[in-house]
Amino acid sequence: VFGSAGGGPRHPDWYYNLVAHPRVEVEFGDDTFSATATVLSGPKRDEVYARQVEVFPAFGDYEKKTTRVIPVVTLTRYEAQ
């Protein structure tokens, strides 16, 4: 997931929630699953963000609108215990 906030000056509130509580429940279509949120950084973050810009060019515009680094968070599925 991408914390673009439309290129706004602040990270979206949900980003801070994921950082504070990385164990989450994801709803994707008809599927619901447990996942762990991990914030990407450095070259890996840049690579994933660049792929997002290729698919959705508006994300490139968001980057140009802000001085902050737009967060990229992976959600990795796990089996709840």
PDB file of N, CA and C in Angstrom:
ATOM      1  N   VAL A   1       0.852  -1.167   0.000  1.00  0.00           N
ATOM      2  CA  VAL A   1       0.000   0.000   0.000  1.00  0.00           C
ATOM      3  C   VAL A   1       0.896   1.228   0.000  1.00  0.00           C
ATOM      4  N   PHE A   2       0.355   2.317  -0.503  1.00  0.00           N
ATOM      5  CA  PHE A   2       1.139   3.525  -0.730  1.00  0.00           C
ATOM      6  C   PHE A   2       0.510   4.686   0.027  1.00  0.00           C
ATOM      7  N   GLY A   3       1.297   5.339   0.875  1.00  0.00           N
ATOM      8  CA  GLY A   3       0.795   6.451   1.678  1.00  0.00           C
ATOM      9  C   GLY A   3       0.939   7.775   0.963  1.00  0.00           C
ATOM     10  N   SER A   4       0.342   7.872  -0.215  1.00  0.00           N
ATOM     11  CA  SER A   4       0.533   9.071  -1.034  1.00  0.00           C
ATOM     12  C   SER A   4      -0.193  10.291  -0.495  1.00  0.00           C
ATOM     13  N   ALA A   5      -1.363  10.095   0.092  1.00  0.00           N
ATOM     14  CA  ALA A   5      -2.198  11.218   0.544  1.00  0.00           C
ATOM     15  C   ALA A   5      -2.355  12.251  -0.577  1.00  0.00           C
ATOM     16  N   GLY A   6      -2.385  11.745  -1.811  1.00  0.00           N
ATOM     17  CA  GLY A   6      -2.565  12.635  -2.960  1.00  0.00           C
ATOM     18  C   GLY A   6      -1.447  13.647  -3.131  1.00  0.00           C
ATOM     19  N   GLY A   7      -0.278  13.355  -2.556  1.00  0.00           N
ATOM     20  CA  GLY A   7       0.847  14.287  -2.646  1.00  0.00           C
ATOM     21  C   GLY A   7       0.818  15.346  -1.556  1.00  0.00           C
ATOM     22  N   GLY A   8      -0.034  15.150  -0.554  1.00  0.00           N
ATOM     23  CA  GLY A   8      -0.132  16.107   0.550  1.00  0.00           C
ATOM     24  C   GLY A   8       1.138  16.155   1.389  1.00  0.00           C
ATOM     25  N   PRO A   9       1.207  17.122   2.301  1.00  0.00           N
ATOM     26  CA  PRO A   9       2.423  17.336   3.082  1.00  0.00           C
ATOM     27  C   PRO A   9       2.648  16.338   4.214  1.00  0.00           C
ATOM     28  N   ARG A  10       1.626  15.558   4.577  1.00  0.00           N
ATOM     29  CA  ARG A  10       1.735  14.622   5.702  1.00  0.00           C
ATOM     30  C   ARG A  10       1.392  13.204   5.264  1.00  0.00           C
ATOM     31  N   HIS A  11       1.987  12.240   5.961  1.00  0.00           N
ATOM     32  CA  HIS A  11       1.589  10.853   5.750  1.00  0.00           C
ATOM     33  C   HIS A  11       0.139  10.699   6.210  1.00  0.00           C
ATOM     34  N   PRO A  12      -0.624   9.813   5.583  1.00  0.00           N
ATOM     35  CA  PRO A  12      -2.003   9.580   6.039  1.00  0.00           C
ATOM     36  C   PRO A  12      -2.014   8.936   7.432  1.00  0.00           C
ATOM     37  N   ASP A  13      -3.078   9.182   8.173  1.00  0.00           N
ATOM     38  CA  ASP A  13      -3.179   8.650   9.534  1.00  0.00           C
ATOM     39  C   ASP A  13      -3.061   7.135   9.570  1.00  0.00           C
ATOM     40  N   TRP A  14      -3.632   6.440   8.566  1.00  0.00           N
ATOM     41  CA  TRP A  14      -3.578   4.981   8.586  1.00  0.00           C
ATOM     42  C   TRP A  14      -2.141   4.478   8.591  1.00  0.00           C
ATOM     43  N   TYR A  15      -1.224   5.238   7.992  1.00  0.00           N
ATOM     44  CA  TYR A  15       0.189   4.833   7.972  1.00  0.00           C
ATOM     45  C   TYR A  15       0.731   4.727   9.399  1.00  0.00           C
ATOM     46  N   TYR A  16       0.446   5.730  10.214  1.00  0.00           N
ATOM     47  CA  TYR A  16       0.920   5.719  11.602  1.00  0.00           C
ATOM     48  C   TYR A  16       0.284   4.574  12.381  1.00  0.00           C
ATOM     49  N   ASN A  17      -0.964   4.262  12.073  1.00  0.00           N
ATOM     50  CA  ASN A  17      -1.624   3.121  12.717  1.00  0.00           C
ATOM     51  C   ASN A  17      -0.919   1.812  12.358  1.00  0.00           C
ATOM     52  N   LEU A  18      -0.545   1.643  11.085  1.00  0.00           N
ATOM     53  CA  LEU A  18       0.154   0.421  10.667  1.00  0.00           C
ATOM     54  C   LEU A  18       1.532   0.308  11.309  1.00  0.00           C
ATOM     55  N   VAL A  19       2.221   1.429  11.434  1.00  0.00           N
ATOM     56  CA  VAL A  19       3.542   1.412  12.069  1.00  0.00           C
ATOM     57  C   VAL A  19       3.407   1.012  13.540  1.00  0.00           C
ATOM     58  N   ALA A  20       2.396   1.555  14.213  1.00  0.00           N
ATOM     59  CA  ALA A  20       2.194   1.263  15.636  1.00  0.00           C
ATOM     60  C   ALA A  20       1.649  -0.143  15.874  1.00  0.00           C
ATOM     61  N   HIS A  21       0.833  -0.627  14.927  1.00  0.00           N
ATOM     62  CA  HIS A  21       0.171  -1.926  15.075  1.00  0.00           C
ATOM     63  C   HIS A  21       0.269  -2.688  13.751  1.00  0.00           C
ATOM     64  N   PRO A  22       1.414  -3.320  13.482  1.00  0.00           N
ATOM     65  CA  PRO A  22       1.626  -3.933  12.167  1.00  0.00           C
ATOM     66  C   PRO A  22       0.856  -5.225  11.904  1.00  0.00           C
ATOM     67  N   ARG A  23       0.242  -5.819  12.905  1.00  0.00           N
ATOM     68  CA  ARG A  23      -0.595  -7.004  12.660  1.00  0.00           C
ATOM     69  C   ARG A  23      -1.981  -6.507  12.280  1.00  0.00           C
ATOM     70  N   VAL A  24      -2.433  -6.862  11.085  1.00  0.00           N
ATOM     71  CA  VAL A  24      -3.687  -6.319  10.557  1.00  0.00           C
ATOM     72  C   VAL A  24      -4.563  -7.412   9.955  1.00  0.00           C
ATOM     73  N   GLU A  25      -5.809  -7.073   9.755  1.00  0.00           N
ATOM     74  CA  GLU A  25      -6.745  -7.904   8.999  1.00  0.00           C
ATOM     75  C   GLU A  25      -6.993  -7.186   7.679  1.00  0.00           C
ATOM     76  N   VAL A  26      -6.817  -7.889   6.581  1.00  0.00           N
ATOM     77  CA  VAL A  26      -6.969  -7.318   5.245  1.00  0.00           C
ATOM     78  C   VAL A  26      -8.237  -7.868   4.612  1.00  0.00           C
ATOM     79  N   GLU A  27      -9.007  -6.980   4.017  1.00  0.00           N
ATOM     80  CA  GLU A  27     -10.161  -7.385   3.216  1.00  0.00           C
ATOM     81  C   GLU A  27      -9.845  -7.032   1.773  1.00  0.00           C
ATOM     82  N   PHE A  28      -9.832  -8.047   0.924  1.00  0.00           N
ATOM     83  CA  PHE A  28      -9.529  -7.857  -0.495  1.00  0.00           C
ATOM     84  C   PHE A  28     -10.573  -8.628  -1.281  1.00  0.00           C
ATOM     85  N   GLY A  29     -11.527  -7.913  -1.849  1.00  0.00           N
ATOM     86  CA  GLY A  29     -12.643  -8.581  -2.511  1.00  0.00           C
ATOM     87  C   GLY A  29     -13.407  -9.390  -1.495  1.00  0.00           C
ATOM     88  N   ASP A  30     -13.614 -10.677  -1.791  1.00  0.00           N
ATOM     89  CA  ASP A  30     -14.322 -11.570  -0.870  1.00  0.00           C
ATOM     90  C   ASP A  30     -13.384 -12.247   0.123  1.00  0.00           C
ATOM     91  N   ASP A  31     -12.090 -11.970   0.032  1.00  0.00           N
ATOM     92  CA  ASP A  31     -11.088 -12.626   0.869  1.00  0.00           C
ATOM     93  C   ASP A  31     -10.741 -11.740   2.069  1.00  0.00           C
ATOM     94  N   THR A  32     -10.653 -12.346   3.242  1.00  0.00           N
ATOM     95  CA  THR A  32     -10.179 -11.671   4.452  1.00  0.00           C
ATOM     96  C   THR A  32      -9.056 -12.507   5.034  1.00  0.00           C
ATOM     97  N   PHE A  33      -7.935 -11.853   5.388  1.00  0.00           N
ATOM     98  CA  PHE A  33      -6.800 -12.597   5.918  1.00  0.00           C
ATOM     99  C   PHE A  33      -5.983 -11.733   6.867  1.00  0.00           C
ATOM    100  N   SER A  34      -5.203 -12.395   7.719  1.00  0.00           N
ATOM    101  CA  SER A  34      -4.286 -11.728   8.633  1.00  0.00           C
ATOM    102  C   SER A  34      -2.999 -11.417   7.891  1.00  0.00           C
ATOM    103  N   ALA A  35      -2.385 -10.286   8.239  1.00  0.00           N
ATOM    104  CA  ALA A  35      -1.141  -9.893   7.579  1.00  0.00           C
ATOM    105  C   ALA A  35      -0.287  -9.070   8.532  1.00  0.00           C
ATOM    106  N   THR A  36       0.982  -8.980   8.177  1.00  0.00           N
ATOM    107  CA  THR A  36       1.920  -8.120   8.885  1.00  0.00           C
ATOM    108  C   THR A  36       2.337  -7.001   7.944  1.00  0.00           C
ATOM    109  N   ALA A  37       2.257  -5.758   8.435  1.00  0.00           N
ATOM    110  CA  ALA A  37       2.646  -4.586   7.650  1.00  0.00           C
ATOM    111  C   ALA A  37       4.130  -4.294   7.884  1.00  0.00           C
ATOM    112  N   THR A  38       4.856  -4.100   6.788  1.00  0.00           N
ATOM    113  CA  THR A  38       6.277  -3.769   6.862  1.00  0.00           C
ATOM    114  C   THR A  38       6.541  -2.566   5.973  1.00  0.00           C
ATOM    115  N   VAL A  39       7.142  -1.526   6.548  1.00  0.00           N
ATOM    116  CA  VAL A  39       7.475  -0.327   5.776  1.00  0.00           C
ATOM    117  C   VAL A  39       8.769  -0.601   5.003  1.00  0.00           C
ATOM    118  N   LEU A  40       8.719  -0.381   3.700  1.00  0.00           N
ATOM    119  CA  LEU A  40       9.913  -0.548   2.870  1.00  0.00           C
ATOM    120  C   LEU A  40      10.741   0.730   2.894  1.00  0.00           C
ATOM    121  N   SER A  41      12.048   0.573   2.691  1.00  0.00           N
ATOM    122  CA  SER A  41      12.921   1.743   2.631  1.00  0.00           C
ATOM    123  C   SER A  41      14.016   1.506   1.603  1.00  0.00           C
ATOM    124  N   GLY A  42      14.734   2.565   1.286  1.00  0.00           N
ATOM    125  CA  GLY A  42      15.882   2.485   0.392  1.00  0.00           C
ATOM    126  C   GLY A  42      15.531   2.008  -0.999  1.00  0.00           C
ATOM    127  N   PRO A  43      16.455   1.278  -1.629  1.00  0.00           N
ATOM    128  CA  PRO A  43      16.257   0.847  -3.008  1.00  0.00           C
ATOM    129  C   PRO A  43      15.006  -0.014  -3.213  1.00  0.00           C
ATOM    130  N   LYS A  44      14.666  -0.861  -2.235  1.00  0.00           N
ATOM    131  CA  LYS A  44      13.478  -1.715  -2.382  1.00  0.00           C
ATOM    132  C   LYS A  44      12.225  -0.852  -2.449  1.00  0.00           C
ATOM    133  N   ARG A  45      12.115   0.150  -1.568  1.00  0.00           N
ATOM    134  CA  ARG A  45      10.976   1.065  -1.590  1.00  0.00           C
ATOM    135  C   ARG A  45      10.912   1.778  -2.948  1.00  0.00           C
ATOM    136  N   ASP A  46      12.054   2.274  -3.391  1.00  0.00           N
ATOM    137  CA  ASP A  46      12.102   3.014  -4.659  1.00  0.00           C
ATOM    138  C   ASP A  46      11.684   2.138  -5.836  1.00  0.00           C
ATOM    139  N   GLU A  47      12.112   0.879  -5.829  1.00  0.00           N
ATOM    140  CA  GLU A  47      11.762  -0.063  -6.901  1.00  0.00           C
ATOM    141  C   GLU A  47      10.249  -0.306  -6.939  1.00  0.00           C
ATOM    142  N   VAL A  48       9.662  -0.572  -5.786  1.00  0.00           N
ATOM    143  CA  VAL A  48       8.213  -0.843  -5.729  1.00  0.00           C
ATOM    144  C   VAL A  48       7.428   0.411  -6.115  1.00  0.00           C
ATOM    145  N   TYR A  49       7.871   1.572  -5.647  1.00  0.00           N
ATOM    146  CA  TYR A  49       7.158   2.807  -5.990  1.00  0.00           C
ATOM    147  C   TYR A  49       7.249   3.070  -7.496  1.00  0.00           C
ATOM    148  N   ALA A  50       8.414   2.851  -8.085  1.00  0.00           N
ATOM    149  CA  ALA A  50       8.579   3.059  -9.530  1.00  0.00           C
ATOM    150  C   ALA A  50       7.642   2.145 -10.329  1.00  0.00           C
ATOM    151  N   ARG A  51       7.465   0.907  -9.869  1.00  0.00           N
ATOM    152  CA  ARG A  51       6.528   0.001 -10.550  1.00  0.00           C
ATOM    153  C   ARG A  51       5.096   0.526 -10.435  1.00  0.00           C
ATOM    154  N   GLN A  52       4.757   1.096  -9.283  1.00  0.00           N
ATOM    155  CA  GLN A  52       3.417   1.669  -9.104  1.00  0.00           C
ATOM    156  C   GLN A  52       3.202   2.838 -10.060  1.00  0.00           C
ATOM    157  N   VAL A  53       4.213   3.665 -10.234  1.00  0.00           N
ATOM    158  CA  VAL A  53       4.120   4.807 -11.157  1.00  0.00           C
ATOM    159  C   VAL A  53       3.917   4.319 -12.589  1.00  0.00           C
ATOM    160  N   GLU A  54       4.562   3.200 -12.956  1.00  0.00           N
ATOM    161  CA  GLU A  54       4.377   2.653 -14.303  1.00  0.00           C
ATOM    162  C   GLU A  54       2.921   2.258 -14.537  1.00  0.00           C
ATOM    163  N   VAL A  55       2.298   1.673 -13.519  1.00  0.00           N
ATOM    164  CA  VAL A  55       0.921   1.198 -13.645  1.00  0.00           C
ATOM    165  C   VAL A  55      -0.078   2.343 -13.467  1.00  0.00           C
ATOM    166  N   PHE A  56       0.200   3.230 -12.521  1.00  0.00           N
ATOM    167  CA  PHE A  56      -0.680   4.367 -12.214  1.00  0.00           C
ATOM    168  C   PHE A  56       0.155   5.643 -12.220  1.00  0.00           C
ATOM    169  N   PRO A  57       0.318   6.286 -13.378  1.00  0.00           N
ATOM    170  CA  PRO A  57       1.192   7.458 -13.501  1.00  0.00           C
ATOM    171  C   PRO A  57       0.875   8.596 -12.529  1.00  0.00           C
ATOM    172  N   ALA A  58      -0.340   8.679 -12.015  1.00  0.00           N
ATOM    173  CA  ALA A  58      -0.678   9.738 -11.056  1.00  0.00           C
ATOM    174  C   ALA A  58       0.225   9.691  -9.828  1.00  0.00           C
ATOM    175  N   PHE A  59       0.738   8.496  -9.484  1.00  0.00           N
ATOM    176  CA  PHE A  59       1.620   8.399  -8.326  1.00  0.00           C
ATOM    177  C   PHE A  59       2.928   9.157  -8.549  1.00  0.00           C
ATOM    178  N   GLY A  60       3.347   9.304  -9.784  1.00  0.00           N
ATOM    179  CA  GLY A  60       4.503  10.147 -10.094  1.00  0.00           C
ATOM    180  C   GLY A  60       4.196  11.601  -9.816  1.00  0.00           C
ATOM    181  N   ASP A  61       2.973  12.014 -10.113  1.00  0.00           N
ATOM    182  CA  ASP A  61       2.552  13.393  -9.822  1.00  0.00           C
ATOM    183  C   ASP A  61       2.506  13.636  -8.322  1.00  0.00           C
ATOM    184  N   TYR A  62       2.046  12.650  -7.556  1.00  0.00           N
ATOM    185  CA  TYR A  62       1.994  12.798  -6.099  1.00  0.00           C
ATOM    186  C   TYR A  62       3.390  13.081  -5.552  1.00  0.00           C
ATOM    187  N   GLU A  63       4.390  12.358  -6.061  1.00  0.00           N
ATOM    188  CA  GLU A  63       5.768  12.544  -5.599  1.00  0.00           C
ATOM    189  C   GLU A  63       6.263  13.956  -5.873  1.00  0.00           C
ATOM    190  N   LYS A  64       5.851  14.507  -7.007  1.00  0.00           N
ATOM    191  CA  LYS A  64       6.295  15.851  -7.381  1.00  0.00           C
ATOM    192  C   LYS A  64       5.641  16.930  -6.518  1.00  0.00           C
ATOM    193  N   LYS A  65       4.482  16.627  -5.934  1.00  0.00           N
ATOM    194  CA  LYS A  65       3.741  17.607  -5.140  1.00  0.00           C
ATOM    195  C   LYS A  65       4.262  17.761  -3.718  1.00  0.00           C
ATOM    196  N   THR A  66       5.094  16.832  -3.256  1.00  0.00           N
ATOM    197  CA  THR A  66       5.488  16.830  -1.850  1.00  0.00           C
ATOM    198  C   THR A  66       6.998  16.697  -1.687  1.00  0.00           C
ATOM    199  N   THR A  67       7.484  17.149  -0.534  1.00  0.00           N
ATOM    200  CA  THR A  67       8.910  17.002  -0.234  1.00  0.00           C
ATOM    201  C   THR A  67       9.176  15.737   0.582  1.00  0.00           C
ATOM    202  N   ARG A  68       8.115  15.097   1.076  1.00  0.00           N
ATOM    203  CA  ARG A  68       8.309  13.901   1.899  1.00  0.00           C
ATOM    204  C   ARG A  68       8.486  12.668   1.003  1.00  0.00           C
ATOM    205  N   VAL A  69       9.085  11.646   1.552  1.00  0.00           N
ATOM    206  CA  VAL A  69       9.173  10.365   0.862  1.00  0.00           C
ATOM    207  C   VAL A  69       7.857   9.639   1.121  1.00  0.00           C
ATOM    208  N   ILE A  70       7.144   9.326   0.065  1.00  0.00           N
ATOM    209  CA  ILE A  70       5.859   8.643   0.200  1.00  0.00           C
ATOM    210  C   ILE A  70       6.108   7.211   0.667  1.00  0.00           C
ATOM    211  N   PRO A  71       5.481   6.828   1.792  1.00  0.00           N
ATOM    212  CA  PRO A  71       5.735   5.491   2.317  1.00  0.00           C
ATOM    213  C   PRO A  71       5.124   4.393   1.460  1.00  0.00           C
ATOM    214  N   VAL A  72       5.852   3.284   1.412  1.00  0.00           N
ATOM    215  CA  VAL A  72       5.388   2.059   0.757  1.00  0.00           C
ATOM    216  C   VAL A  72       5.389   0.982   1.834  1.00  0.00           C
ATOM    217  N   VAL A  73       4.240   0.328   1.998  1.00  0.00           N
ATOM    218  CA  VAL A  73       4.073  -0.675   3.044  1.00  0.00           C
ATOM    219  C   VAL A  73       3.632  -1.983   2.400  1.00  0.00           C
ATOM    220  N   THR A  74       4.353  -3.062   2.686  1.00  0.00           N
ATOM    221  CA  THR A  74       3.919  -4.376   2.212  1.00  0.00           C
ATOM    222  C   THR A  74       3.033  -5.012   3.274  1.00  0.00           C
ATOM    223  N   LEU A  75       2.070  -5.784   2.829  1.00  0.00           N
ATOM    224  CA  LEU A  75       1.192  -6.543   3.712  1.00  0.00           C
ATOM    225  C   LEU A  75       1.410  -8.012   3.400  1.00  0.00           C
ATOM    226  N   THR A  76       2.052  -8.711   4.323  1.00  0.00           N
ATOM    227  CA  THR A  76       2.407 -10.100   4.115  1.00  0.00           C
ATOM    228  C   THR A  76       1.444 -10.996   4.888  1.00  0.00           C
ATOM    229  N   ARG A  77       0.768 -11.860   4.146  1.00  0.00           N
ATOM    230  CA  ARG A  77      -0.215 -12.764   4.737  1.00  0.00           C
ATOM    231  C   ARG A  77       0.451 -13.743   5.699  1.00  0.00           C
ATOM    232  N   TYR A  78      -0.231 -14.035   6.794  1.00  0.00           N
ATOM    233  CA  TYR A  78       0.222 -15.084   7.711  1.00  0.00           C
ATOM    234  C   TYR A  78      -0.995 -15.790   8.274  1.00  0.00           C
ATOM    235  N   GLU A  79      -0.768 -16.952   8.782  1.00  0.00           N
ATOM    236  CA  GLU A  79      -1.844 -17.739   9.394  1.00  0.00           C
ATOM    237  C   GLU A  79      -1.992 -17.312  10.839  1.00  0.00           C
ATOM    238  N   ALA A  80      -3.181 -16.822  11.201  1.00  0.00           N
ATOM    239  CA  ALA A  80      -3.439 -16.410  12.581  1.00  0.00           C
ATOM    240  C   ALA A  80      -3.346 -17.619  13.501  1.00  0.00           C
ATOM    241  N   GLN A  81      -2.779 -17.408  14.659  1.00  0.00           N
ATOM    242  CA  GLN A  81      -2.610 -18.481  15.646  1.00  0.00           C
ATOM    243  C   GLN A  81      -3.790 -18.502  16.594  1.00  0.00           C
TER     244      GLN A  81
END
